[in-house]
C-alpha cells in the first residue's frame, strides 16, 4: 500500500485531543477556498482522486478511485446504497397571482382521490398557508397546500396526468446541493446532473440527495472488485435534506437528526454476517451505508434484515459494530457527515486529512474527490 507521508499534527484547532472532553460544533469548522468546491463531475467517474487514510499508522496516501481494488481483500464485502435520486425540484406559479414558487418534494405521505400527498420544502415570496394553489412542472401538476409544518415544510396535494414520480422524471430538476451553482430553471447542465448525480447501481426511487461516495464507482470497477473475491451487497437509505444541514447547536449532542427511511434485505444481511464470521471486512461506500448498518447493529449487535426510519447521530465517541472501512467524500464544515467521519477515524486524523486535502488541491463535496479510511 502506498501510505504516503505520516500525518503531521492532527489535533482539531482549539479542541481537546481524541478521547478527551466532549467536542463542540465549532471544533468541526474549517475554511475551504471556494475554488475547491467541485461544480461538475469529472468526465470519468472513477478517475477522481482518492486519499487513503490508514488509521493504525495515521498516514496518508494519494491514489485514484481506480486503485480501490488494491486495498480490498478476498472475503471483504463492499456495501452500496442503491437509493435512486428523484428529480424532486419543481417550479411553477400561483394560480391566483402568478407568483413564482419552488417545491422540493421530499417523500409521499398519503393518497387522496385522484392525487397524492407529499411532504415538501416550499420556497416563494408569499408565506405558505393551506389552500394556496399552484401550477407546477410546465402545467402537468396541480398543487394545493394541505398543511404547513415547521422548518419551511408543507404537505402538498398533487394531481396530474400521470403518477407524480413519472412526471418528475420528465419535468423535475435534480436536487443538487446549493453549493453546486445552477440557474433556477433551464440550466444547460441539468442533463449532466440527471446522469451523474446518480450512482450507476441506483434502483429504488426515494432520495433527494445522492449517496455521493457511490458516484465514483462504475460497473467495470465493481466487476474488478468481484473478480478479486470481494462481494457486494446493497442496502437502501433514502437520503434527505437534513443530511447536509449544518449543526447549529453549540454542543453536538443536542443536535437532533432528521429521520431517513432505510431497508436492509435478507440477502444483504446474510452476505454481511457471513463475511464477518469469516473475518472479512465490511467496507461501507458512503456515510449513508454506515448509518444504515450501525442503526441496525446498535439494537441487534449484528446486521439483520429490517426496515424503518433512522435518527441515529454518529459522532465522537462512537462504538462501531458493523463497519470496518469507509469510502467517503470530503464533507461540509459543521455537518453531521464530518462528525460521523471523525467518529470513525478520529477527529485529529480527520482534521489533518482535510488540511492535507486542501494543500494537495483535492476537489470537495458532492462532485468532488474521496477518501478511503482503513
Protein backbone atom coordinates (compact mmCIF):
# COMPACT_ATOMS: atom_id res chain seq x y z
CA UNK A 1 0.00 0.00 0.00
CA UNK A 2 1.22 3.49 -0.82
CA UNK A 3 0.83 5.03 2.61
CA UNK A 4 2.44 8.33 1.71
CA UNK A 5 3.80 10.56 4.42
CA UNK A 6 2.90 10.47 8.07
CA UNK A 7 0.14 12.81 9.21
CA UNK A 8 1.58 15.89 10.80
CA UNK A 9 -0.10 17.34 13.87
CA UNK A 10 -3.70 16.17 13.73
CA UNK A 11 -5.38 17.97 16.63
CA UNK A 12 -8.50 19.93 15.87
CA UNK A 13 -7.77 23.59 16.44
CA UNK A 14 -8.89 24.81 19.88
CA UNK A 15 -10.26 21.35 20.66
CA UNK A 16 -9.23 18.56 23.01
CA UNK A 17 -7.33 15.56 21.69
CA UNK A 18 -9.22 12.46 20.58
CA UNK A 19 -10.94 10.80 23.51
CA UNK A 20 -10.73 13.87 25.81
CA UNK A 21 -13.50 16.30 26.80
CA UNK A 22 -16.68 16.48 24.67
CA UNK A 23 -16.28 18.22 21.32
CA UNK A 24 -18.37 21.20 20.29
CA UNK A 25 -19.76 22.14 16.91
CA UNK A 26 -17.10 24.79 16.32
CA UNK A 27 -14.47 22.05 16.61
CA UNK A 28 -15.71 20.72 13.25
CA UNK A 29 -15.41 24.01 11.41
CA UNK A 30 -12.85 24.79 8.73
CA UNK A 31 -12.34 27.35 5.98
CA UNK A 32 -12.41 26.00 2.43
CA UNK A 33 -11.26 28.03 -0.58
CA UNK A 34 -14.35 28.36 -2.82
CA UNK A 35 -12.44 27.20 -5.89
CA UNK A 36 -12.06 23.74 -4.30
CA UNK A 37 -15.83 23.15 -4.35
CA UNK A 38 -16.44 20.90 -7.36
CA UNK A 39 -19.12 22.36 -9.63
CA UNK A 40 -19.23 19.47 -12.13
CA UNK A 41 -18.19 15.83 -12.08
CA UNK A 42 -15.08 14.62 -13.87
CA UNK A 43 -15.70 13.09 -17.33
CA UNK A 44 -14.80 9.64 -15.97
CA UNK A 45 -16.44 8.67 -12.68
CA UNK A 46 -13.62 6.55 -11.31
CA UNK A 47 -10.78 8.94 -12.21
CA UNK A 48 -11.37 11.03 -9.11
CA UNK A 49 -8.55 11.26 -6.61
CA UNK A 50 -8.72 9.08 -3.51
CA UNK A 51 -6.86 9.93 -0.35
CA UNK A 52 -6.07 6.79 1.64
CA UNK A 53 -6.08 7.27 5.41
CA UNK A 54 -4.59 4.42 7.45
CA UNK A 55 -5.98 4.73 10.97
CA UNK A 56 -3.39 2.45 12.55
CA UNK A 57 -0.43 4.40 11.16
CA UNK A 58 -2.08 7.85 10.93
CA UNK A 59 -0.65 8.13 7.42
CA UNK A 60 -1.93 9.46 4.10
CA UNK A 61 -1.56 8.15 0.57
CA UNK A 62 -2.73 9.77 -2.66
CA UNK A 63 -4.28 7.47 -5.24
CA UNK A 64 -7.15 7.27 -7.73
CA UNK A 65 -10.52 5.59 -7.31
CA UNK A 66 -9.38 3.10 -9.95
CA UNK A 67 -6.93 1.83 -7.30
CA UNK A 68 -9.71 0.86 -4.89
CA UNK A 69 -9.45 -2.90 -5.63
CA UNK A 70 -5.80 -2.81 -4.48
CA UNK A 71 -6.98 -2.05 -0.94
CA UNK A 72 -9.61 -4.79 -0.75
CA UNK A 73 -9.11 -8.46 0.11
CA UNK A 74 -10.94 -11.65 -0.85
CA UNK A 75 -13.77 -12.12 1.61
CA UNK A 76 -14.42 -8.39 2.07
CA UNK A 77 -17.90 -7.03 1.34
CA UNK A 78 -18.38 -3.71 -0.43
CA UNK A 79 -21.75 -2.39 0.78
CA UNK A 80 -23.59 0.02 -1.54
CA UNK A 81 -26.65 2.24 -1.09
CA UNK A 82 -28.97 1.60 -4.03
CA UNK A 83 -31.33 4.52 -3.41
CA UNK A 84 -32.25 6.47 -6.53
CA UNK A 85 -32.33 10.27 -6.50
CA UNK A 86 -35.66 11.74 -7.55
CA UNK A 87 -35.59 14.84 -9.82
CA UNK A 88 -37.53 16.38 -6.94
CA UNK A 89 -37.24 20.13 -7.62
CA UNK A 90 -40.28 21.51 -9.43
CA UNK A 91 -41.03 25.10 -10.35
CA UNK A 92 -44.28 26.85 -11.10
CA UNK A 93 -46.60 29.72 -10.26
CA UNK A 94 -49.57 30.54 -8.03
CA UNK A 95 -52.86 30.13 -9.80
CA UNK A 96 -54.26 33.43 -8.45
CA UNK A 97 -51.32 35.87 -8.66
CA UNK A 98 -48.78 34.16 -10.91
CA UNK A 99 -46.14 34.47 -8.20
CA UNK A 100 -43.19 32.13 -8.67
CA UNK A 101 -42.75 29.09 -6.43
CA UNK A 102 -40.35 26.20 -5.97
CA UNK A 103 -41.08 22.90 -4.24
CA UNK A 104 -38.59 20.23 -3.25
CA UNK A 105 -40.68 17.09 -2.92
CA UNK A 106 -39.26 15.01 -0.07
CA UNK A 107 -41.44 11.91 0.22
CA UNK A 108 -45.03 10.72 -0.34
CA UNK A 109 -47.17 10.72 2.79
CA UNK A 110 -50.54 9.52 1.52
CA UNK A 111 -53.13 9.39 -1.22
CA UNK A 112 -56.30 11.38 -1.85
CA UNK A 113 -58.96 10.90 -4.53
CA UNK A 114 -57.26 11.45 -7.90
CA UNK A 115 -53.99 12.53 -6.33
CA UNK A 116 -51.07 12.11 -3.96
CA UNK A 117 -49.90 13.98 -0.89
CA UNK A 118 -46.21 14.73 -0.42
CA UNK A 119 -44.10 16.34 2.26
CA UNK A 120 -42.17 19.16 0.59
CA UNK A 121 -39.92 22.14 1.17
CA UNK A 122 -41.60 25.34 -0.01
CA UNK A 123 -39.84 28.42 -1.37
CA UNK A 124 -41.74 31.51 -2.50
CA UNK A 125 -42.11 35.17 -1.60
CA UNK A 126 -45.54 34.57 -0.07
CA UNK A 127 -45.96 32.68 3.19
CA UNK A 128 -47.29 29.16 2.85
CA UNK A 129 -50.84 28.58 4.03
CA UNK A 130 -53.44 25.88 3.44
CA UNK A 131 -55.48 26.40 0.31
CA UNK A 132 -52.84 28.10 -1.83
CA UNK A 133 -52.92 26.53 -5.29
CA UNK A 134 -50.19 26.30 -7.93
CA UNK A 135 -49.43 25.03 -11.41
CA UNK A 136 -46.12 23.16 -11.47
CA UNK A 137 -43.91 21.21 -13.87
CA UNK A 138 -44.91 23.17 -17.00
CA UNK A 139 -48.57 22.76 -16.15
CA UNK A 140 -48.54 18.99 -15.65
CA UNK A 141 -49.13 19.16 -11.90
CA UNK A 142 -51.82 20.97 -9.92
CA UNK A 143 -50.66 21.55 -6.37
CA UNK A 144 -52.52 22.76 -3.29
CA UNK A 145 -51.05 23.22 0.17
CA UNK A 146 -52.94 21.00 2.60
CA UNK A 147 -50.98 21.80 5.76
CA UNK A 148 -47.86 23.58 6.97
CA UNK A 149 -45.06 22.06 9.01
CA UNK A 150 -42.07 23.54 10.87
CA UNK A 151 -38.87 24.32 9.01
CA UNK A 152 -40.43 25.58 5.79
CA UNK A 153 -42.12 22.27 5.10
CA UNK A 154 -45.62 21.76 3.78
CA UNK A 155 -47.92 18.88 2.95
CA UNK A 156 -48.97 19.43 -0.63
CA UNK A 157 -51.70 17.65 -2.59
CA UNK A 158 -50.59 16.89 -6.14
CA UNK A 159 -52.80 15.96 -9.09
CA UNK A 160 -51.53 15.36 -12.60
CA UNK A 161 -51.94 13.50 -15.86
CA UNK A 162 -49.68 10.67 -14.59
CA UNK A 163 -48.22 9.43 -11.29
CA UNK A 164 -46.09 12.09 -9.59
CA UNK A 165 -42.83 10.13 -9.89
CA UNK A 166 -43.41 9.69 -13.62
CA UNK A 167 -43.98 13.41 -14.09
CA UNK A 168 -40.88 14.25 -12.03
CA UNK A 169 -38.71 12.02 -14.21
CA UNK A 170 -39.67 14.16 -17.22
CA UNK A 171 -40.20 17.62 -15.73
CA UNK A 172 -38.37 17.71 -12.40
CA UNK A 173 -34.86 19.02 -11.80
CA UNK A 174 -32.16 17.02 -9.97
CA UNK A 175 -31.84 18.42 -6.42
CA UNK A 176 -28.11 19.15 -6.47
CA UNK A 177 -26.95 20.97 -3.30
CA UNK A 178 -26.92 24.79 -3.30
CA UNK A 179 -23.11 24.95 -3.33
CA UNK A 180 -23.29 23.44 -6.84
CA UNK A 181 -24.34 26.59 -8.62
CA UNK A 182 -27.15 26.16 -11.10
CA UNK A 183 -29.62 28.58 -12.66
CA UNK A 184 -33.09 28.45 -11.12
CA UNK A 185 -34.63 26.87 -14.20
CA UNK A 186 -33.36 25.82 -17.61
CA UNK A 187 -29.68 25.44 -16.69
CA UNK A 188 -27.91 23.64 -19.58
CA UNK A 189 -26.03 21.41 -17.09
CA UNK A 190 -29.23 19.76 -15.84
CA UNK A 191 -28.93 16.83 -18.32
CA UNK A 192 -25.44 16.17 -16.94
CA UNK A 193 -26.81 16.26 -13.39
CA UNK A 194 -29.57 13.82 -14.34
CA UNK A 195 -26.94 11.25 -15.29
CA UNK A 196 -24.10 11.97 -12.91
CA UNK A 197 -25.91 12.94 -9.68
CA UNK A 198 -26.91 9.28 -9.55
CA UNK A 199 -24.97 6.09 -8.85
CA UNK A 200 -24.72 3.51 -11.62
CA UNK A 201 -26.46 0.99 -9.33
CA UNK A 202 -29.33 3.28 -8.23
CA UNK A 203 -32.50 1.21 -8.11
CA UNK A 204 -35.08 2.35 -5.51
CA UNK A 205 -36.51 5.88 -6.03
CA UNK A 206 -36.74 7.95 -2.88
CA UNK A 207 -33.67 10.13 -2.20
CA UNK A 208 -33.46 13.90 -2.57
CA UNK A 209 -29.67 13.87 -2.27
CA UNK A 210 -27.17 11.43 -3.71
CA UNK A 211 -25.09 8.99 -1.65
CA UNK A 212 -22.07 10.78 -3.04
CA UNK A 213 -19.27 8.27 -2.37
CA UNK A 214 -21.01 5.90 -4.75
CA UNK A 215 -20.88 8.45 -7.58
CA UNK A 216 -17.24 7.41 -8.15
CA UNK A 217 -17.96 3.76 -8.90
CA UNK A 218 -18.55 2.19 -12.31
CA UNK A 219 -19.82 -1.25 -13.25
CA UNK A 220 -16.36 -2.07 -14.56
CA UNK A 221 -14.70 -1.17 -11.26
CA UNK A 222 -17.25 -3.18 -9.29
CA UNK A 223 -16.64 -6.18 -11.56
CA UNK A 224 -12.91 -5.86 -10.95
CA UNK A 225 -13.56 -5.95 -7.21
CA UNK A 226 -15.72 -9.05 -7.58
CA UNK A 227 -13.08 -10.72 -9.72
CA UNK A 228 -10.70 -10.35 -6.77
CA UNK A 229 -13.04 -12.19 -4.43
CA UNK A 230 -14.81 -9.15 -2.99
CA UNK A 231 -18.57 -9.48 -2.60
CA UNK A 232 -21.05 -6.64 -2.99
CA UNK A 233 -24.29 -6.10 -1.11
CA UNK A 234 -26.92 -3.38 -1.41
CA UNK A 235 -28.88 -1.64 1.31
CA UNK A 236 -31.28 1.28 0.86
CA UNK A 237 -31.31 4.58 2.73
CA UNK A 238 -33.26 7.41 1.15
CA UNK A 239 -31.09 10.45 1.75
CA UNK A 240 -32.99 13.50 2.96
CA UNK A 241 -32.10 17.21 3.11
CA UNK A 242 -31.20 17.01 6.80
CA UNK A 243 -28.06 15.04 5.97
CA UNK A 244 -26.30 18.15 4.67
CA UNK A 245 -27.61 20.76 7.09
CA UNK A 246 -25.02 22.36 9.39
CA UNK A 247 -25.32 21.63 13.09
CA UNK A 248 -26.45 24.82 14.86
CA UNK A 249 -26.34 23.61 18.46
CA UNK A 250 -23.19 24.59 20.34
CA UNK A 251 -22.95 21.15 21.94
CA UNK A 252 -23.20 18.50 19.25
CA UNK A 253 -25.07 16.07 21.50
CA UNK A 254 -28.02 18.50 21.50
CA UNK A 255 -28.48 18.18 17.73
CA UNK A 256 -31.34 16.01 16.52
CA UNK A 257 -31.02 14.20 13.21
CA UNK A 258 -33.85 14.18 10.71
CA UNK A 259 -35.05 10.62 10.26
CA UNK A 260 -34.42 8.84 6.96
CA UNK A 261 -36.07 5.71 5.60
CA UNK A 262 -33.93 2.59 5.28
CA UNK A 263 -34.26 -1.07 4.32
CA UNK A 264 -31.84 -4.00 4.53
CA UNK A 265 -32.92 -7.14 2.73
CA UNK A 266 -32.33 -10.70 3.93
CA UNK A 267 -29.78 -11.39 1.21
CA UNK A 268 -27.64 -8.37 2.05
CA UNK A 269 -27.79 -9.10 5.78
CA UNK A 270 -26.76 -12.72 5.19
CA UNK A 271 -23.84 -11.70 2.96
CA UNK A 272 -22.57 -9.21 5.53
CA UNK A 273 -22.87 -11.52 8.54
CA UNK A 274 -21.31 -14.45 6.68
CA UNK A 275 -18.31 -12.30 5.78
CA UNK A 276 -17.96 -11.04 9.35
CA UNK A 277 -17.98 -14.57 10.70
CA UNK A 278 -15.09 -15.48 8.37
CA UNK A 279 -13.01 -12.40 9.15
CA UNK A 280 -13.92 -10.37 6.08
CA UNK A 281 -14.14 -6.61 6.34
CA UNK A 282 -17.34 -4.64 5.82
CA UNK A 283 -16.39 -1.71 3.57
CA UNK A 284 -19.10 0.94 3.52
CA UNK A 285 -19.43 3.03 0.37
CA UNK A 286 -20.61 6.26 1.93
CA UNK A 287 -21.88 7.59 5.23
CA UNK A 288 -25.43 6.52 4.38
CA UNK A 289 -24.36 2.87 4.41
CA UNK A 290 -22.62 3.41 7.74
CA UNK A 291 -25.75 4.94 9.20
CA UNK A 292 -27.96 2.13 7.93
CA UNK A 293 -25.79 -0.72 9.19
CA UNK A 294 -24.96 0.90 12.51
CA UNK A 295 -28.64 1.70 13.13
CA UNK A 296 -29.49 -1.99 12.97
CA UNK A 297 -26.35 -3.19 14.75
CA UNK A 298 -26.92 -0.74 17.62
CA UNK A 299 -30.02 -2.66 18.69
CA UNK A 300 -29.27 -6.16 17.36
CA UNK A 301 -25.46 -6.19 17.78
CA UNK A 302 -25.31 -7.61 14.25
CA UNK A 303 -26.73 -6.85 10.82
CA UNK A 304 -30.14 -8.37 10.22
CA UNK A 305 -32.87 -7.74 7.67
CA UNK A 306 -35.17 -4.88 8.57
CA UNK A 307 -36.64 -1.54 7.64
CA UNK A 308 -37.62 1.64 9.41
CA UNK A 309 -36.52 5.22 9.93
CA UNK A 310 -33.10 6.09 11.29
CA UNK A 311 -32.49 9.07 13.53
CA UNK A 312 -29.04 7.81 14.55
CA UNK A 313 -26.50 10.62 15.02
CA UNK A 314 -22.99 9.17 14.82
CA UNK A 315 -20.47 11.47 16.46
CA UNK A 316 -17.32 11.11 18.57
CA UNK A 317 -17.09 9.00 20.61
CA UNK A 318 -19.00 6.12 18.98
CA UNK A 319 -18.60 2.35 19.05
CA UNK A 320 -18.85 0.93 15.53
CA UNK A 321 -20.35 -2.56 15.47
CA UNK A 322 -20.72 -3.27 11.75
CA UNK A 323 -18.34 -1.22 9.58
CA UNK A 324 -14.59 -1.79 9.23
CA UNK A 325 -13.61 0.57 6.40
CA UNK A 326 -15.21 3.56 4.70
CA UNK A 327 -15.11 5.24 1.30
CA UNK A 328 -16.43 8.79 1.69
CA UNK A 329 -16.31 12.22 0.09
CA UNK A 330 -14.99 15.38 1.72
CA UNK A 331 -17.82 16.96 3.68
CA UNK A 332 -19.08 20.39 4.66
CA UNK A 333 -17.88 22.06 7.86
CA UNK A 334 -20.10 21.68 10.93
CA UNK A 335 -22.01 18.87 9.21
CA UNK A 336 -23.17 15.60 10.74
CA UNK A 337 -21.29 13.83 7.94
CA UNK A 338 -17.98 15.33 9.02
CA UNK A 339 -18.78 14.36 12.60
CA UNK A 340 -19.50 10.78 11.53
CA UNK A 341 -16.20 10.52 9.67
CA UNK A 342 -14.44 12.00 12.69
CA UNK A 343 -16.02 9.35 14.91
CA UNK A 344 -14.75 6.66 12.55
CA UNK A 345 -11.20 7.87 12.01
CA UNK A 346 -10.63 10.16 14.99
CA UNK A 347 -11.21 13.94 14.95
CA UNK A 348 -7.50 14.76 14.91
CA UNK A 349 -6.74 12.47 11.98
CA UNK A 350 -9.66 13.84 10.01
CA UNK A 351 -8.64 17.44 10.65
CA UNK A 352 -5.13 16.62 9.45
CA UNK A 353 -6.52 14.80 6.40
CA UNK A 354 -8.66 17.79 5.42
CA UNK A 355 -5.70 20.12 5.76
CA UNK A 356 -3.70 17.75 3.56
CA UNK A 357 -6.53 17.63 1.00
CA UNK A 358 -6.61 21.41 0.75
CA UNK A 359 -2.84 21.63 0.35
CA UNK A 360 -3.00 18.97 -2.39
CA UNK A 361 -5.94 20.75 -4.07
CA UNK A 362 -8.46 17.95 -3.79
CA UNK A 363 -11.96 18.70 -5.07
CA UNK A 364 -14.55 18.88 -2.27
CA UNK A 365 -18.19 17.93 -1.66
CA UNK A 366 -20.71 16.04 -3.80
CA UNK A 367 -18.93 16.13 -7.19
CA UNK A 368 -15.50 16.12 -5.60
CA UNK A 369 -12.82 13.58 -4.70
CA UNK A 370 -12.97 11.00 -1.95
CA UNK A 371 -11.14 9.39 0.96
CA UNK A 372 -10.74 5.72 1.80
CA UNK A 373 -10.40 5.14 5.55
CA UNK A 374 -8.85 1.80 6.50
